[in-house]
Amino acid sequence: MQTLFVSGSLFASVGHATVDNEKMHKESAVMIFFILLFIGGCAGSTGGGIKFVRHLLLFKNGFLELKRLIHPRAIIPARLNGKSVLPEIISNVQAFFILYLFVFVSGAILLSLMGIDFVTSVGASATCVGNIGPGIGAVGPVANFGHLPELAKWLLSFLMLLGRLELFTVLIIFTPYFWKK
């Protein structure tokens, strides 16, 4: 029952933790919990992560891409709730997914370069970009971020900002196109 509660909490980006999930069922539970950090809430929710609808669109489009390879002249649009999804939206979702993974990996690498162990770096980066709450490693549900270096806390704060305000919204400020009239 505790595993179900922790899984639901991570999936919905609630951040509640009643037990140390790293001691539940060894590595398999930690891996499942780590994957849940990336799924996130539903579309329109304030939950973190990539959002479930984006995963659904990527999965549907990937499956349809196999059909398109078999039938190259067919026009097979991805559908969501019975309506066709424009190719531009699929492209935006793919760009968001790649950018999200790039930000996550970059954050984990930078944390590792600051001398933080690999598991904690990956867990802290994933939980901060996804705005989940508990991570894995030394920032797990029974720990906190207090022991991390100050520079790491600044980086993780920036990752939280990126995740909460959506990547494109924040990162567009750093492009020259935004500042041109």
N, C-alpha and C. Protein backbone atom coordinates (compact mmCIF):
# COMPACT_ATOMS: atom_id res chain seq x y z
N MET A 1 0.81 -1.19 0.00
CA MET A 1 0.00 0.00 0.00
C MET A 1 0.87 1.27 0.00
N GLN A 2 1.99 1.20 0.73
CA GLN A 2 2.88 2.36 0.76
C GLN A 2 3.49 2.61 -0.61
N THR A 3 3.80 1.54 -1.32
CA THR A 3 4.36 1.69 -2.66
C THR A 3 3.38 2.39 -3.59
N LEU A 4 2.11 2.04 -3.49
CA LEU A 4 1.08 2.67 -4.31
C LEU A 4 0.95 4.15 -3.97
N PHE A 5 0.99 4.48 -2.68
CA PHE A 5 0.88 5.88 -2.27
C PHE A 5 2.06 6.70 -2.78
N VAL A 6 3.28 6.17 -2.61
CA VAL A 6 4.47 6.89 -3.07
C VAL A 6 4.45 7.04 -4.58
N SER A 7 4.04 5.98 -5.30
CA SER A 7 3.97 6.05 -6.76
C SER A 7 2.97 7.11 -7.21
N GLY A 8 1.81 7.13 -6.60
CA GLY A 8 0.81 8.14 -6.94
C GLY A 8 1.27 9.54 -6.62
N SER A 9 1.98 9.70 -5.52
CA SER A 9 2.50 11.00 -5.14
C SER A 9 3.53 11.50 -6.14
N LEU A 10 4.42 10.63 -6.59
CA LEU A 10 5.43 11.02 -7.57
C LEU A 10 4.80 11.28 -8.93
N PHE A 11 3.85 10.45 -9.32
CA PHE A 11 3.19 10.60 -10.62
C PHE A 11 2.45 11.92 -10.71
N ALA A 12 1.81 12.33 -9.62
CA ALA A 12 1.03 13.56 -9.62
C ALA A 12 1.83 14.78 -9.19
N SER A 13 3.12 14.61 -8.94
CA SER A 13 4.00 15.71 -8.53
C SER A 13 3.57 16.34 -7.21
N VAL A 14 3.03 15.55 -6.31
CA VAL A 14 2.54 16.06 -5.05
C VAL A 14 3.68 16.27 -4.06
N GLY A 15 4.64 15.35 -4.02
CA GLY A 15 5.79 15.49 -3.15
C GLY A 15 5.62 14.90 -1.77
N HIS A 16 4.53 14.20 -1.51
CA HIS A 16 4.35 13.56 -0.21
C HIS A 16 5.20 12.29 -0.14
N ALA A 17 5.80 12.08 1.00
CA ALA A 17 6.57 10.86 1.22
C ALA A 17 6.31 10.38 2.64
N THR A 18 5.89 9.16 2.76
CA THR A 18 5.62 8.58 4.08
C THR A 18 6.72 7.63 4.50
N VAL A 19 7.48 7.13 3.54
CA VAL A 19 8.57 6.19 3.83
C VAL A 19 9.74 6.51 2.91
N ASP A 20 10.89 5.95 3.23
CA ASP A 20 12.06 6.09 2.37
C ASP A 20 11.90 5.10 1.23
N ASN A 21 11.52 5.63 0.04
CA ASN A 21 11.24 4.74 -1.09
C ASN A 21 12.48 3.99 -1.58
N GLU A 22 13.66 4.44 -1.21
CA GLU A 22 14.87 3.75 -1.65
C GLU A 22 15.11 2.46 -0.87
N LYS A 23 14.39 2.25 0.23
CA LYS A 23 14.57 1.04 1.01
C LYS A 23 13.39 0.09 0.86
N MET A 24 12.48 0.37 -0.06
CA MET A 24 11.28 -0.46 -0.22
C MET A 24 11.59 -1.81 -0.85
N HIS A 25 12.01 -1.78 -2.09
CA HIS A 25 12.23 -3.03 -2.83
C HIS A 25 13.50 -2.94 -3.66
N LYS A 26 14.51 -2.42 -3.08
CA LYS A 26 15.82 -2.34 -3.70
C LYS A 26 15.81 -1.48 -4.96
N GLU A 27 16.62 -1.85 -5.93
CA GLU A 27 16.84 -1.03 -7.12
C GLU A 27 15.62 -0.94 -8.03
N SER A 28 14.80 -1.98 -8.07
CA SER A 28 13.65 -1.96 -8.98
C SER A 28 12.66 -0.86 -8.59
N ALA A 29 12.42 -0.68 -7.31
CA ALA A 29 11.49 0.37 -6.87
C ALA A 29 12.07 1.75 -7.16
N VAL A 30 13.36 1.92 -6.90
CA VAL A 30 13.99 3.22 -7.15
C VAL A 30 13.92 3.55 -8.64
N MET A 31 14.12 2.56 -9.51
CA MET A 31 14.03 2.79 -10.95
C MET A 31 12.62 3.18 -11.36
N ILE A 32 11.63 2.51 -10.82
CA ILE A 32 10.24 2.85 -11.13
C ILE A 32 9.92 4.26 -10.64
N PHE A 33 10.34 4.59 -9.43
CA PHE A 33 10.09 5.92 -8.89
C PHE A 33 10.81 6.98 -9.72
N PHE A 34 12.02 6.66 -10.19
CA PHE A 34 12.77 7.60 -11.02
C PHE A 34 12.04 7.86 -12.34
N ILE A 35 11.50 6.82 -12.95
CA ILE A 35 10.74 6.98 -14.20
C ILE A 35 9.50 7.84 -13.96
N LEU A 36 8.85 7.65 -12.82
CA LEU A 36 7.65 8.44 -12.50
C LEU A 36 7.96 9.92 -12.36
N LEU A 37 9.21 10.27 -12.03
CA LEU A 37 9.59 11.68 -11.94
C LEU A 37 9.42 12.40 -13.28
N PHE A 38 9.49 11.66 -14.38
CA PHE A 38 9.42 12.27 -15.70
C PHE A 38 8.01 12.30 -16.29
N ILE A 39 7.11 11.52 -15.76
CA ILE A 39 5.78 11.46 -16.36
C ILE A 39 4.98 12.71 -16.06
N GLY A 40 4.89 13.09 -14.82
CA GLY A 40 4.22 14.33 -14.45
C GLY A 40 2.71 14.23 -14.44
N GLY A 41 2.08 15.36 -14.25
CA GLY A 41 0.63 15.43 -14.12
C GLY A 41 -0.09 15.47 -15.45
N CYS A 42 -1.35 15.76 -15.38
CA CYS A 42 -2.19 15.87 -16.57
C CYS A 42 -2.05 17.25 -17.20
N ALA A 43 -2.48 17.37 -18.44
CA ALA A 43 -2.42 18.65 -19.14
C ALA A 43 -3.23 19.69 -18.38
N GLY A 44 -2.69 20.87 -18.25
CA GLY A 44 -3.39 21.95 -17.56
C GLY A 44 -3.23 21.93 -16.05
N SER A 45 -2.61 20.88 -15.51
CA SER A 45 -2.41 20.82 -14.07
C SER A 45 -1.15 21.57 -13.69
N THR A 46 -1.02 21.87 -12.42
CA THR A 46 0.20 22.52 -11.96
C THR A 46 1.26 21.51 -11.59
N GLY A 47 0.97 20.23 -11.82
CA GLY A 47 1.95 19.19 -11.55
C GLY A 47 3.15 19.33 -12.47
N GLY A 48 4.28 18.86 -12.00
CA GLY A 48 5.50 18.98 -12.77
C GLY A 48 5.66 17.87 -13.79
N GLY A 49 6.89 17.69 -14.22
CA GLY A 49 7.19 16.64 -15.18
C GLY A 49 6.85 17.05 -16.61
N ILE A 50 6.94 16.11 -17.49
CA ILE A 50 6.72 16.37 -18.91
C ILE A 50 5.23 16.47 -19.24
N LYS A 51 4.39 15.98 -18.45
CA LYS A 51 2.93 15.90 -18.58
C LYS A 51 2.57 14.65 -19.38
N PHE A 52 1.58 13.98 -18.88
CA PHE A 52 1.17 12.70 -19.44
C PHE A 52 0.72 12.82 -20.89
N VAL A 53 0.04 13.90 -21.23
CA VAL A 53 -0.49 14.04 -22.59
C VAL A 53 0.64 14.14 -23.62
N ARG A 54 1.76 14.72 -23.23
CA ARG A 54 2.90 14.79 -24.16
C ARG A 54 3.47 13.40 -24.40
N HIS A 55 3.56 12.60 -23.35
CA HIS A 55 4.01 11.22 -23.52
C HIS A 55 3.05 10.46 -24.43
N LEU A 56 1.76 10.66 -24.23
CA LEU A 56 0.76 9.99 -25.04
C LEU A 56 0.89 10.36 -26.51
N LEU A 57 1.07 11.66 -26.79
CA LEU A 57 1.23 12.10 -28.18
C LEU A 57 2.51 11.54 -28.80
N LEU A 58 3.59 11.51 -28.04
CA LEU A 58 4.84 10.93 -28.56
C LEU A 58 4.68 9.45 -28.86
N PHE A 59 4.01 8.73 -27.97
CA PHE A 59 3.78 7.30 -28.18
C PHE A 59 2.91 7.07 -29.41
N LYS A 60 1.80 7.82 -29.51
CA LYS A 60 0.91 7.65 -30.66
C LYS A 60 1.62 7.99 -31.96
N ASN A 61 2.37 9.08 -31.97
CA ASN A 61 3.06 9.48 -33.18
C ASN A 61 4.15 8.47 -33.55
N GLY A 62 4.84 7.92 -32.57
CA GLY A 62 5.85 6.90 -32.85
C GLY A 62 5.23 5.65 -33.47
N PHE A 63 4.09 5.24 -32.94
CA PHE A 63 3.39 4.09 -33.50
C PHE A 63 2.91 4.39 -34.92
N LEU A 64 2.37 5.59 -35.13
CA LEU A 64 1.89 5.97 -36.46
C LEU A 64 3.03 6.12 -37.45
N GLU A 65 4.21 6.47 -36.97
CA GLU A 65 5.37 6.58 -37.86
C GLU A 65 5.72 5.22 -38.46
N LEU A 66 5.51 4.16 -37.71
CA LEU A 66 5.72 2.81 -38.25
C LEU A 66 4.71 2.52 -39.35
N LYS A 67 3.45 2.94 -39.14
CA LYS A 67 2.43 2.77 -40.19
C LYS A 67 2.79 3.58 -41.42
N ARG A 68 3.31 4.79 -41.21
CA ARG A 68 3.68 5.65 -42.35
C ARG A 68 4.83 5.05 -43.15
N LEU A 69 5.72 4.32 -42.47
CA LEU A 69 6.80 3.65 -43.19
C LEU A 69 6.27 2.53 -44.07
N ILE A 70 5.27 1.84 -43.58
CA ILE A 70 4.67 0.76 -44.37
C ILE A 70 3.85 1.32 -45.52
N HIS A 71 3.14 2.41 -45.27
CA HIS A 71 2.29 3.07 -46.27
C HIS A 71 2.77 4.51 -46.47
N PRO A 72 3.83 4.71 -47.27
CA PRO A 72 4.45 6.04 -47.38
C PRO A 72 3.54 7.11 -48.01
N ARG A 73 2.53 6.73 -48.78
CA ARG A 73 1.66 7.73 -49.42
C ARG A 73 0.43 8.05 -48.59
N ALA A 74 0.23 7.31 -47.53
CA ALA A 74 -0.96 7.53 -46.70
C ALA A 74 -0.75 8.75 -45.79
N ILE A 75 -1.83 9.45 -45.56
CA ILE A 75 -1.83 10.57 -44.62
C ILE A 75 -2.51 10.06 -43.35
N ILE A 76 -1.71 9.85 -42.33
CA ILE A 76 -2.21 9.26 -41.09
C ILE A 76 -1.92 10.24 -39.96
N PRO A 77 -2.89 11.04 -39.60
CA PRO A 77 -2.64 12.01 -38.51
C PRO A 77 -2.75 11.35 -37.14
N ALA A 78 -2.02 11.90 -36.20
CA ALA A 78 -2.17 11.47 -34.81
C ALA A 78 -3.48 12.05 -34.30
N ARG A 79 -4.18 11.29 -33.48
CA ARG A 79 -5.48 11.73 -32.95
C ARG A 79 -5.44 11.73 -31.43
N LEU A 80 -6.10 12.73 -30.88
CA LEU A 80 -6.25 12.83 -29.43
C LEU A 80 -7.70 13.23 -29.16
N ASN A 81 -8.39 12.42 -28.39
CA ASN A 81 -9.82 12.64 -28.11
C ASN A 81 -10.64 12.69 -29.40
N GLY A 82 -10.26 11.88 -30.37
CA GLY A 82 -11.01 11.78 -31.62
C GLY A 82 -10.73 12.90 -32.61
N LYS A 83 -9.84 13.83 -32.28
CA LYS A 83 -9.52 14.94 -33.18
C LYS A 83 -8.08 14.83 -33.64
N SER A 84 -7.87 15.23 -34.90
CA SER A 84 -6.51 15.21 -35.45
C SER A 84 -5.64 16.24 -34.76
N VAL A 85 -4.40 15.86 -34.51
CA VAL A 85 -3.42 16.77 -33.92
C VAL A 85 -2.54 17.29 -35.05
N LEU A 86 -2.41 18.58 -35.13
CA LEU A 86 -1.61 19.19 -36.19
C LEU A 86 -0.16 18.75 -36.09
N PRO A 87 0.51 18.58 -37.24
CA PRO A 87 1.93 18.20 -37.22
C PRO A 87 2.80 19.21 -36.47
N GLU A 88 2.41 20.48 -36.47
CA GLU A 88 3.18 21.49 -35.74
C GLU A 88 3.15 21.22 -34.23
N ILE A 89 2.03 20.75 -33.75
CA ILE A 89 1.91 20.44 -32.32
C ILE A 89 2.78 19.23 -31.98
N ILE A 90 2.76 18.23 -32.84
CA ILE A 90 3.63 17.06 -32.63
C ILE A 90 5.09 17.50 -32.62
N SER A 91 5.45 18.38 -33.53
CA SER A 91 6.82 18.90 -33.59
C SER A 91 7.17 19.67 -32.32
N ASN A 92 6.25 20.47 -31.82
CA ASN A 92 6.49 21.21 -30.58
C ASN A 92 6.66 20.27 -29.39
N VAL A 93 5.85 19.21 -29.35
CA VAL A 93 5.96 18.24 -28.26
C VAL A 93 7.31 17.53 -28.33
N GLN A 94 7.74 17.16 -29.53
CA GLN A 94 9.04 16.51 -29.67
C GLN A 94 10.17 17.45 -29.26
N ALA A 95 10.08 18.72 -29.65
CA ALA A 95 11.09 19.70 -29.27
C ALA A 95 11.11 19.89 -27.75
N PHE A 96 9.94 19.95 -27.14
CA PHE A 96 9.86 20.11 -25.69
C PHE A 96 10.49 18.91 -25.00
N PHE A 97 10.18 17.71 -25.46
CA PHE A 97 10.71 16.48 -24.87
C PHE A 97 12.24 16.46 -24.93
N ILE A 98 12.78 16.78 -26.10
CA ILE A 98 14.24 16.79 -26.27
C ILE A 98 14.87 17.87 -25.40
N LEU A 99 14.27 19.06 -25.37
CA LEU A 99 14.80 20.15 -24.54
C LEU A 99 14.73 19.79 -23.06
N TYR A 100 13.65 19.15 -22.64
CA TYR A 100 13.49 18.73 -21.24
C TYR A 100 14.61 17.76 -20.86
N LEU A 101 14.85 16.77 -21.71
CA LEU A 101 15.91 15.80 -21.44
C LEU A 101 17.28 16.46 -21.46
N PHE A 102 17.49 17.41 -22.36
CA PHE A 102 18.76 18.14 -22.42
C PHE A 102 18.99 18.93 -21.14
N VAL A 103 17.97 19.62 -20.66
CA VAL A 103 18.09 20.39 -19.42
C VAL A 103 18.36 19.46 -18.24
N PHE A 104 17.65 18.35 -18.17
CA PHE A 104 17.85 17.37 -17.11
C PHE A 104 19.28 16.84 -17.11
N VAL A 105 19.76 16.38 -18.27
CA VAL A 105 21.10 15.81 -18.37
C VAL A 105 22.16 16.87 -18.08
N SER A 106 21.97 18.08 -18.61
CA SER A 106 22.92 19.17 -18.34
C SER A 106 23.00 19.48 -16.85
N GLY A 107 21.84 19.53 -16.20
CA GLY A 107 21.82 19.79 -14.77
C GLY A 107 22.53 18.70 -14.00
N ALA A 108 22.30 17.44 -14.37
CA ALA A 108 22.96 16.31 -13.69
C ALA A 108 24.47 16.35 -13.89
N ILE A 109 24.91 16.69 -15.09
CA ILE A 109 26.35 16.77 -15.36
C ILE A 109 26.98 17.91 -14.56
N LEU A 110 26.34 19.06 -14.55
CA LEU A 110 26.88 20.19 -13.78
C LEU A 110 26.95 19.87 -12.29
N LEU A 111 25.94 19.21 -11.77
CA LEU A 111 25.97 18.82 -10.35
C LEU A 111 27.09 17.82 -10.09
N SER A 112 27.32 16.90 -11.01
CA SER A 112 28.41 15.94 -10.86
C SER A 112 29.77 16.64 -10.87
N LEU A 113 29.89 17.67 -11.71
CA LEU A 113 31.14 18.43 -11.77
C LEU A 113 31.39 19.21 -10.48
N MET A 114 30.35 19.43 -9.69
CA MET A 114 30.50 20.11 -8.41
C MET A 114 30.88 19.14 -7.29
N GLY A 115 31.10 17.88 -7.64
CA GLY A 115 31.53 16.90 -6.66
C GLY A 115 30.41 16.12 -6.00
N ILE A 116 29.20 16.24 -6.52
CA ILE A 116 28.06 15.50 -5.96
C ILE A 116 28.02 14.13 -6.64
N ASP A 117 27.71 13.09 -5.86
CA ASP A 117 27.70 11.75 -6.43
C ASP A 117 26.67 11.63 -7.54
N PHE A 118 26.88 10.63 -8.42
CA PHE A 118 26.07 10.49 -9.63
C PHE A 118 24.59 10.31 -9.34
N VAL A 119 24.23 9.41 -8.42
CA VAL A 119 22.82 9.13 -8.14
C VAL A 119 22.13 10.39 -7.60
N THR A 120 22.78 11.09 -6.70
CA THR A 120 22.19 12.31 -6.15
C THR A 120 22.09 13.40 -7.21
N SER A 121 23.09 13.51 -8.09
CA SER A 121 23.05 14.50 -9.17
C SER A 121 21.87 14.24 -10.09
N VAL A 122 21.69 12.99 -10.49
CA VAL A 122 20.60 12.63 -11.39
C VAL A 122 19.26 12.84 -10.68
N GLY A 123 19.16 12.39 -9.44
CA GLY A 123 17.92 12.54 -8.69
C GLY A 123 17.55 13.99 -8.42
N ALA A 124 18.54 14.80 -8.05
CA ALA A 124 18.27 16.22 -7.77
C ALA A 124 17.87 16.96 -9.04
N SER A 125 18.55 16.68 -10.14
CA SER A 125 18.20 17.34 -11.40
C SER A 125 16.79 16.96 -11.85
N ALA A 126 16.47 15.68 -11.78
CA ALA A 126 15.13 15.23 -12.21
C ALA A 126 14.03 15.80 -11.34
N THR A 127 14.24 15.80 -10.03
CA THR A 127 13.19 16.28 -9.15
C THR A 127 13.01 17.79 -9.23
N CYS A 128 14.09 18.53 -9.51
CA CYS A 128 13.96 19.98 -9.60
C CYS A 128 13.37 20.43 -10.93
N VAL A 129 13.78 19.82 -12.02
CA VAL A 129 13.17 20.18 -13.31
C VAL A 129 11.70 19.80 -13.32
N GLY A 130 11.38 18.67 -12.71
CA GLY A 130 9.99 18.21 -12.68
C GLY A 130 9.17 18.81 -11.54
N ASN A 131 9.83 19.54 -10.62
CA ASN A 131 9.13 20.11 -9.46
C ASN A 131 8.34 19.05 -8.72
N ILE A 132 9.00 17.96 -8.39
CA ILE A 132 8.34 16.81 -7.80
C ILE A 132 8.37 16.86 -6.28
N GLY A 133 9.49 17.15 -5.70
CA GLY A 133 9.64 17.11 -4.25
C GLY A 133 10.77 16.18 -3.91
N PRO A 134 10.48 14.96 -3.44
CA PRO A 134 11.57 14.05 -3.08
C PRO A 134 12.27 13.51 -4.32
N GLY A 135 13.58 13.37 -4.22
CA GLY A 135 14.36 12.83 -5.32
C GLY A 135 14.87 11.46 -4.96
N ILE A 136 16.03 11.13 -5.48
CA ILE A 136 16.70 9.89 -5.12
C ILE A 136 18.10 10.22 -4.67
N GLY A 137 18.74 9.30 -4.03
CA GLY A 137 20.09 9.54 -3.51
C GLY A 137 20.03 10.34 -2.22
N ALA A 138 20.99 11.24 -2.06
CA ALA A 138 21.09 12.04 -0.84
C ALA A 138 20.04 13.14 -0.75
N VAL A 139 19.18 13.24 -1.75
CA VAL A 139 18.06 14.21 -1.71
C VAL A 139 16.73 13.46 -1.75
N GLY A 140 16.75 12.25 -1.23
CA GLY A 140 15.55 11.41 -1.21
C GLY A 140 14.50 11.92 -0.25
N PRO A 141 13.44 11.16 -0.07
CA PRO A 141 12.30 11.60 0.73
C PRO A 141 12.58 11.81 2.21
N VAL A 142 13.63 11.20 2.74
CA VAL A 142 13.95 11.40 4.15
C VAL A 142 15.16 12.31 4.32
N ALA A 143 15.57 12.98 3.26
CA ALA A 143 16.71 13.89 3.28
C ALA A 143 16.27 15.25 2.74
N ASN A 144 17.22 16.15 2.59
CA ASN A 144 16.92 17.46 2.01
C ASN A 144 18.11 17.94 1.20
N PHE A 145 18.03 19.16 0.72
CA PHE A 145 19.06 19.72 -0.14
C PHE A 145 20.06 20.57 0.64
N GLY A 146 19.95 20.60 1.96
CA GLY A 146 20.76 21.47 2.80
C GLY A 146 22.25 21.21 2.72
N HIS A 147 22.66 19.99 2.48
CA HIS A 147 24.08 19.64 2.46
C HIS A 147 24.77 19.97 1.13
N LEU A 148 24.02 20.36 0.13
CA LEU A 148 24.60 20.64 -1.18
C LEU A 148 25.33 21.98 -1.17
N PRO A 149 26.35 22.13 -2.02
CA PRO A 149 27.05 23.42 -2.11
C PRO A 149 26.10 24.53 -2.57
N GLU A 150 26.46 25.76 -2.22
CA GLU A 150 25.60 26.89 -2.55
C GLU A 150 25.39 27.03 -4.06
N LEU A 151 26.43 26.82 -4.84
CA LEU A 151 26.30 26.91 -6.30
C LEU A 151 25.31 25.86 -6.82
N ALA A 152 25.33 24.69 -6.23
CA ALA A 152 24.38 23.64 -6.63
C ALA A 152 22.95 24.07 -6.31
N LYS A 153 22.75 24.73 -5.20
CA LYS A 153 21.41 25.20 -4.83
C LYS A 153 20.92 26.25 -5.82
N TRP A 154 21.82 27.12 -6.28
CA TRP A 154 21.43 28.11 -7.29
C TRP A 154 21.04 27.43 -8.60
N LEU A 155 21.85 26.46 -9.00
CA LEU A 155 21.54 25.71 -10.22
C LEU A 155 20.20 24.99 -10.09
N LEU A 156 19.97 24.33 -8.98
CA LEU A 156 18.72 23.61 -8.78
C LEU A 156 17.53 24.57 -8.71
N SER A 157 17.75 25.76 -8.16
CA SER A 157 16.68 26.77 -8.14
C SER A 157 16.32 27.20 -9.55
N PHE A 158 17.34 27.35 -10.39
CA PHE A 158 17.08 27.70 -11.79
C PHE A 158 16.34 26.57 -12.50
N LEU A 159 16.73 25.33 -12.23
CA LEU A 159 16.04 24.18 -12.82
C LEU A 159 14.58 24.14 -12.38
N MET A 160 14.33 24.48 -11.10
CA MET A 160 12.95 24.53 -10.62
C MET A 160 12.15 25.60 -11.34
N LEU A 161 12.77 26.74 -11.55
CA LEU A 161 12.11 27.83 -12.28
C LEU A 161 11.78 27.38 -13.70
N LEU A 162 12.74 26.73 -14.36
CA LEU A 162 12.50 26.23 -15.72
C LEU A 162 11.34 25.24 -15.74
N GLY A 163 11.33 24.35 -14.79
CA GLY A 163 10.28 23.34 -14.76
C GLY A 163 8.91 23.88 -14.42
N ARG A 164 8.85 24.83 -13.50
CA ARG A 164 7.56 25.37 -13.06
C ARG A 164 6.94 26.30 -14.10
N LEU A 165 7.75 27.12 -14.74
CA LEU A 165 7.22 28.10 -15.70
C LEU A 165 7.23 27.58 -17.13
N GLU A 166 7.58 26.33 -17.31
CA GLU A 166 7.72 25.68 -18.61
C GLU A 166 9.00 26.15 -19.31
N LEU A 167 9.67 25.23 -19.92
CA LEU A 167 10.98 25.48 -20.50
C LEU A 167 11.00 26.58 -21.55
N PHE A 168 10.09 26.50 -22.51
CA PHE A 168 10.09 27.47 -23.60
C PHE A 168 9.87 28.89 -23.07
N THR A 169 9.00 29.03 -22.10
CA THR A 169 8.66 30.34 -21.56
C THR A 169 9.88 31.02 -20.95
N VAL A 170 10.67 30.29 -20.20
CA VAL A 170 11.83 30.88 -19.55
C VAL A 170 13.00 31.01 -20.51
N LEU A 171 13.28 29.98 -21.28
CA LEU A 171 14.45 29.99 -22.14
C LEU A 171 14.35 30.98 -23.29
N ILE A 172 13.15 31.33 -23.69
CA ILE A 172 13.01 32.30 -24.78
C ILE A 172 13.56 33.68 -24.39
N ILE A 173 13.59 33.95 -23.10
CA ILE A 173 14.15 35.22 -22.61
C ILE A 173 15.63 35.32 -22.93
N PHE A 174 16.32 34.20 -23.03
CA PHE A 174 17.76 34.19 -23.27
C PHE A 174 18.12 34.17 -24.75
N THR A 175 17.14 34.28 -25.63
CA THR A 175 17.42 34.30 -27.06
C THR A 175 17.48 35.75 -27.55
N PRO A 176 18.29 36.03 -28.56
CA PRO A 176 18.36 37.40 -29.09
C PRO A 176 17.05 37.81 -29.79
N TYR A 177 16.27 36.84 -30.27
CA TYR A 177 15.02 37.17 -30.95
C TYR A 177 14.04 37.84 -30.02
N PHE A 178 14.07 37.48 -28.77
CA PHE A 178 13.16 38.05 -27.78
C PHE A 178 13.42 39.53 -27.57
N TRP A 179 14.70 39.93 -27.65
CA TRP A 179 15.07 41.30 -27.32
C TRP A 179 15.05 42.23 -28.54
N LYS A 180 14.87 41.69 -29.74
CA LYS A 180 14.77 42.54 -30.94
C LYS A 180 13.36 43.07 -31.06
N LYS A 181 13.24 44.26 -31.60
CA LYS A 181 11.91 44.85 -31.78
C LYS A 181 11.30 44.44 -33.08
